[in-house]
Protein backbone atom coordinates (compact mmCIF):
# COMPACT_ATOMS: atom_id res chain seq x y z
CA UNK A 1 -6.63 -34.23 42.23
CA UNK A 2 -4.37 -36.67 40.28
CA UNK A 3 -0.80 -35.73 39.79
CA UNK A 4 0.31 -38.88 37.99
CA UNK A 5 0.52 -38.38 34.20
CA UNK A 6 -2.69 -39.77 32.28
CA UNK A 7 -2.44 -41.76 29.16
CA UNK A 8 -2.18 -38.85 27.05
CA UNK A 9 0.47 -37.06 28.95
CA UNK A 10 3.95 -36.70 29.67
CA UNK A 11 6.03 -35.99 33.02
CA UNK A 12 9.26 -34.18 32.08
CA UNK A 13 11.84 -32.66 34.43
CA UNK A 14 13.26 -29.03 33.73
CA UNK A 15 16.80 -29.00 34.84
CA UNK A 16 16.25 -25.41 35.80
CA UNK A 17 15.30 -25.77 39.50
CA UNK A 18 14.29 -29.32 39.22
CA UNK A 19 10.78 -28.62 38.07
CA UNK A 20 8.80 -31.56 37.04
CA UNK A 21 6.10 -30.59 34.67
CA UNK A 22 3.06 -32.72 33.25
CA UNK A 23 2.35 -31.84 29.63
CA UNK A 24 -0.15 -32.87 26.98
CA UNK A 25 1.71 -35.73 24.77
CA UNK A 26 -0.08 -33.88 21.89
CA UNK A 27 -1.12 -30.32 21.84
CA UNK A 28 0.47 -27.34 23.29
CA UNK A 29 4.05 -28.01 25.16
CA UNK A 30 6.33 -25.29 26.62
CA UNK A 31 9.28 -24.07 24.62
CA UNK A 32 12.56 -22.30 25.22
CA UNK A 33 10.79 -19.19 24.67
CA UNK A 34 9.29 -19.54 28.24
CA UNK A 35 12.41 -20.52 29.93
CA UNK A 36 14.17 -17.33 28.63
CA UNK A 37 11.48 -14.88 29.35
CA UNK A 38 11.43 -16.37 32.90
CA UNK A 39 14.99 -15.27 33.28
CA UNK A 40 14.50 -11.88 31.72
CA UNK A 41 12.25 -10.53 34.42
CA UNK A 42 13.72 -8.52 37.33
CA UNK A 43 11.72 -8.91 40.25
CA UNK A 44 12.14 -7.41 43.83
CA UNK A 45 11.69 -9.40 46.92
CA UNK A 46 7.72 -9.48 47.64
CA UNK A 47 6.73 -8.25 44.15
CA UNK A 48 3.20 -9.30 43.45
CA UNK A 49 3.19 -11.07 40.18
CA UNK A 50 0.63 -11.97 37.53
CA UNK A 51 1.42 -14.18 34.16
CA UNK A 52 -1.08 -14.03 31.49
CA UNK A 53 -1.66 -16.82 29.67
CA UNK A 54 0.28 -19.21 31.88
CA UNK A 55 -0.26 -22.51 29.86
CA UNK A 56 0.79 -25.27 32.23
CA UNK A 57 2.60 -23.01 34.60
CA UNK A 58 6.13 -23.10 33.49
CA UNK A 59 7.16 -19.52 33.97
CA UNK A 60 5.19 -19.28 37.00
CA UNK A 61 6.91 -22.24 38.54
CA UNK A 62 10.31 -20.86 37.67
CA UNK A 63 9.59 -17.59 39.17
CA UNK A 64 8.42 -19.30 42.34
CA UNK A 65 11.49 -21.03 42.58
CA UNK A 66 13.89 -18.13 41.94
CA UNK A 67 12.00 -15.69 43.95
CA UNK A 68 10.42 -17.53 46.89
CA UNK A 69 9.07 -14.35 48.64
CA UNK A 70 6.88 -13.13 45.52
CA UNK A 71 3.37 -14.14 45.43
CA UNK A 72 2.30 -15.30 41.81
CA UNK A 73 -0.93 -15.88 39.96
CA UNK A 74 -1.44 -17.65 36.81
CA UNK A 75 -4.27 -16.93 34.49
CA UNK A 76 -5.10 -19.30 31.79
CA UNK A 77 -7.94 -19.59 29.32
CA UNK A 78 -7.70 -23.06 28.33
CA UNK A 79 -9.30 -25.53 30.63
CA UNK A 80 -6.99 -28.35 29.94
CA UNK A 81 -4.11 -26.53 30.50
CA UNK A 82 -5.24 -24.76 33.64
CA UNK A 83 -6.07 -28.11 35.02
CA UNK A 84 -2.33 -28.89 34.15
CA UNK A 85 -0.93 -25.90 35.76
CA UNK A 86 -2.86 -27.03 39.13
CA UNK A 87 -1.49 -30.28 39.16
CA UNK A 88 2.01 -29.07 38.26
CA UNK A 89 1.76 -26.61 41.21
CA UNK A 90 0.71 -29.49 43.49
CA UNK A 91 3.43 -31.81 42.03
CA UNK A 92 6.14 -29.54 42.71
CA UNK A 93 4.77 -28.38 46.33
CA UNK A 94 4.02 -24.66 45.04
CA UNK A 95 0.40 -24.56 45.73
CA UNK A 96 0.90 -22.16 48.54
CA UNK A 97 3.08 -19.79 46.44
CA UNK A 98 1.35 -19.81 43.15
CA UNK A 99 -2.43 -19.41 42.50
CA UNK A 100 -3.89 -21.02 39.44
CA UNK A 101 -6.84 -19.18 38.11
CA UNK A 102 -9.27 -20.46 34.93
CA UNK A 103 -10.36 -17.21 33.09
CA UNK A 104 -10.30 -15.01 30.09
CA UNK A 105 -7.70 -12.21 29.93
CA UNK A 106 -10.30 -10.09 28.21
CA UNK A 107 -12.49 -9.92 31.26
CA UNK A 108 -9.37 -9.14 33.64
CA UNK A 109 -11.33 -7.05 35.92
CA UNK A 110 -13.20 -9.89 37.06
CA UNK A 111 -10.49 -11.90 38.66
CA UNK A 112 -8.11 -8.80 40.00
CA UNK A 113 -8.29 -5.47 41.30
CA UNK A 114 -6.67 -3.03 39.11
CA UNK A 115 -3.40 -1.09 40.00
CA UNK A 116 -2.23 -3.76 42.60
CA UNK A 117 0.59 -5.56 40.76
CA UNK A 118 3.98 -5.03 40.60
CA UNK A 119 4.96 -7.36 37.68
CA UNK A 120 3.20 -8.93 34.73
CA UNK A 121 4.68 -11.13 32.22
CA UNK A 122 3.30 -13.11 29.12
CA UNK A 123 4.41 -15.32 26.30
CA UNK A 124 1.43 -14.53 24.17
CA UNK A 125 0.23 -15.69 20.85
CA UNK A 126 2.36 -14.02 18.33
CA UNK A 127 0.43 -14.03 15.17
CA UNK A 128 -2.43 -12.51 13.71
CA UNK A 129 -5.18 -14.95 12.60
CA UNK A 130 -4.59 -14.51 8.86
CA UNK A 131 -0.99 -14.71 9.11
CA UNK A 132 1.11 -17.94 8.99
CA UNK A 133 -0.12 -21.40 8.79
CA UNK A 134 -2.86 -22.13 11.53
CA UNK A 135 -2.17 -25.14 13.41
CA UNK A 136 -4.78 -27.86 13.18
CA UNK A 137 -4.58 -28.71 16.82
CA UNK A 138 -7.08 -26.18 18.51
CA UNK A 139 -4.89 -25.83 21.78
CA UNK A 140 -1.69 -25.08 19.75
CA UNK A 141 -3.45 -22.63 17.33
CA UNK A 142 -4.89 -20.54 20.31
CA UNK A 143 -1.42 -20.47 21.96
CA UNK A 144 0.09 -19.17 18.91
CA UNK A 145 -2.42 -17.10 16.95
CA UNK A 146 -4.49 -14.26 18.17
CA UNK A 147 -7.79 -16.40 18.43
CA UNK A 148 -8.77 -16.02 21.81
CA UNK A 149 -6.36 -12.93 22.58
CA UNK A 150 -5.23 -9.93 20.51
CA UNK A 151 -2.16 -7.66 21.33
CA UNK A 152 -4.47 -4.58 22.50
CA UNK A 153 -6.15 -7.29 24.81
CA UNK A 154 -3.19 -8.29 26.35
CA UNK A 155 -1.82 -5.01 26.86
CA UNK A 156 -4.76 -3.45 28.06
CA UNK A 157 -5.13 -6.08 30.81
CA UNK A 158 -1.37 -5.63 31.93
CA UNK A 159 -1.94 -2.05 32.11
CA UNK A 160 -4.98 -2.61 34.36
CA UNK A 161 -3.03 -4.88 36.38
CA UNK A 162 -0.16 -2.62 37.17
CA UNK A 163 0.71 -0.33 39.86
CA UNK A 164 2.42 3.01 38.53
CA UNK A 165 6.18 2.13 37.96
CA UNK A 166 5.13 -1.71 37.68
CA UNK A 167 6.65 -3.48 34.91
CA UNK A 168 5.31 -5.54 32.12
CA UNK A 169 7.57 -8.19 30.37
CA UNK A 170 6.81 -10.33 27.46
CA UNK A 171 8.30 -12.17 24.40
CA UNK A 172 7.26 -11.18 20.89
CA UNK A 173 8.24 -11.39 17.10
CA UNK A 174 10.77 -8.96 16.01
CA UNK A 175 8.31 -8.22 12.77
CA UNK A 176 5.75 -7.02 15.01
CA UNK A 177 7.74 -5.01 17.20
CA UNK A 178 6.69 -1.56 15.83
CA UNK A 179 2.84 -2.75 16.72
CA UNK A 180 3.94 -3.72 20.13
CA UNK A 181 5.58 -0.53 20.98
CA UNK A 182 2.86 1.65 19.55
CA UNK A 183 0.16 -0.28 21.56
CA UNK A 184 2.53 -0.25 24.86
CA UNK A 185 2.48 3.62 24.52
CA UNK A 186 -1.11 4.17 23.82
CA UNK A 187 -1.61 2.12 27.33
CA UNK A 188 0.90 4.24 29.03
CA UNK A 189 3.33 1.58 29.22
CA UNK A 190 6.74 2.71 28.24
CA UNK A 191 9.41 0.15 26.73
CA UNK A 192 12.51 0.44 28.99
CA UNK A 193 14.52 -2.51 28.37
CA UNK A 194 14.94 -5.01 25.16
CA UNK A 195 16.73 -7.94 24.45
CA UNK A 196 16.93 -9.80 21.20
CA UNK A 197 17.04 -13.67 21.01
CA UNK A 198 19.05 -15.38 18.44
CA UNK A 199 19.28 -19.22 17.35
CA UNK A 200 22.84 -18.72 16.47
CA UNK A 201 25.55 -15.88 17.10
CA UNK A 202 25.48 -14.93 13.26
CA UNK A 203 21.74 -15.12 12.76
CA UNK A 204 18.78 -12.22 12.81
CA UNK A 205 16.82 -12.12 15.90
CA UNK A 206 13.89 -14.75 15.95
CA UNK A 207 12.22 -13.30 19.10
CA UNK A 208 12.41 -9.87 21.30
CA UNK A 209 11.86 -9.73 24.77
CA UNK A 210 10.79 -6.05 25.90
CA UNK A 211 9.79 -4.86 29.40
CA UNK A 212 7.76 -1.84 29.74
CA UNK A 213 7.03 0.60 32.74
CA UNK A 214 3.74 1.94 33.51
CA UNK A 215 3.93 5.64 33.78
CA UNK A 216 7.57 5.80 32.97
CA UNK A 217 9.33 8.39 30.72
CA UNK A 218 11.33 7.82 27.44
CA UNK A 219 14.58 5.96 27.39
CA UNK A 220 15.11 2.33 26.48
CA UNK A 221 18.24 0.16 27.12
CA UNK A 222 19.25 -2.44 24.58
CA UNK A 223 20.85 -5.55 26.37
CA UNK A 224 23.00 -7.87 24.64
CA UNK A 225 21.62 -10.27 22.41
CA UNK A 226 20.83 -13.61 23.83
CA UNK A 227 22.05 -16.58 21.86
CA UNK A 228 20.59 -20.01 22.30
CA UNK A 229 23.07 -22.10 20.45
CA UNK A 230 27.04 -21.63 20.42
CA UNK A 231 27.35 -23.01 16.94
CA UNK A 232 25.93 -25.34 14.47
CA UNK A 233 26.68 -28.50 16.48
CA UNK A 234 23.49 -27.87 18.45
CA UNK A 235 25.74 -26.87 21.61
CA UNK A 236 24.18 -24.49 24.14
CA UNK A 237 25.57 -21.02 24.54
CA UNK A 238 26.77 -19.93 27.91
CA UNK A 239 23.72 -17.92 28.53
CA UNK A 240 21.55 -20.79 27.87
CA UNK A 241 23.57 -22.94 30.05
CA UNK A 242 23.34 -20.54 32.74
CA UNK A 243 19.53 -21.15 32.74
CA UNK A 244 19.51 -24.86 32.75
CA UNK A 245 22.24 -24.51 35.50
CA UNK A 246 20.10 -22.42 37.70
CA UNK A 247 19.59 -23.92 41.13
CA UNK A 248 16.55 -23.02 43.25
CA UNK A 249 16.77 -20.43 46.05
CA UNK A 250 13.95 -22.53 48.17
């Protein structure tokens, strides 16, 4: 396995824990969404974690650096992204802590036993196939639209994986929040924690993060909004700076 960037790849460094990441020069690349979601998760020492739709492995690697005692598996359907995740794990010395699996979330039972996982996370496709402009790049289209994965598919998989009182954390569009909560409850995952994400303090939310607990009773806590930019100058907020200033626990 080569871990040097190819002619159609870039090698970037996340100041978050000094993680280095190989990415396609064109195609799906990680965004701030993934960084923010990784720090929304509350893990306990030794929690078994599965990331559904892991892409090139950014969230899984951040979690492995932040919580070294947690075994993590990243599941990715797109072959090129799966290959990048495997190489990124080697590049960062994380092969022993994170396992990369190439597979389809819709066939989750082929890769995992039921009710064995403490925490599941996902930065999934947000948009229905006929909503919004479909990206002409197939890799980006699959990552952003429900081409290979619908919301029910995703939540069924999370419910299958989780132990009782296990937690499912994901990031989603505010305009689809009602759909999300309805589907979570159909699969006995109760929303217990929510945080909206705003570009600026005065603007409406652009994304929302939800933590749902398997088999829990009703009662949700709203956390303070997460602000990305302090003002129109583009300076990061204190919340965003705290993410970029994170130091690895390893």
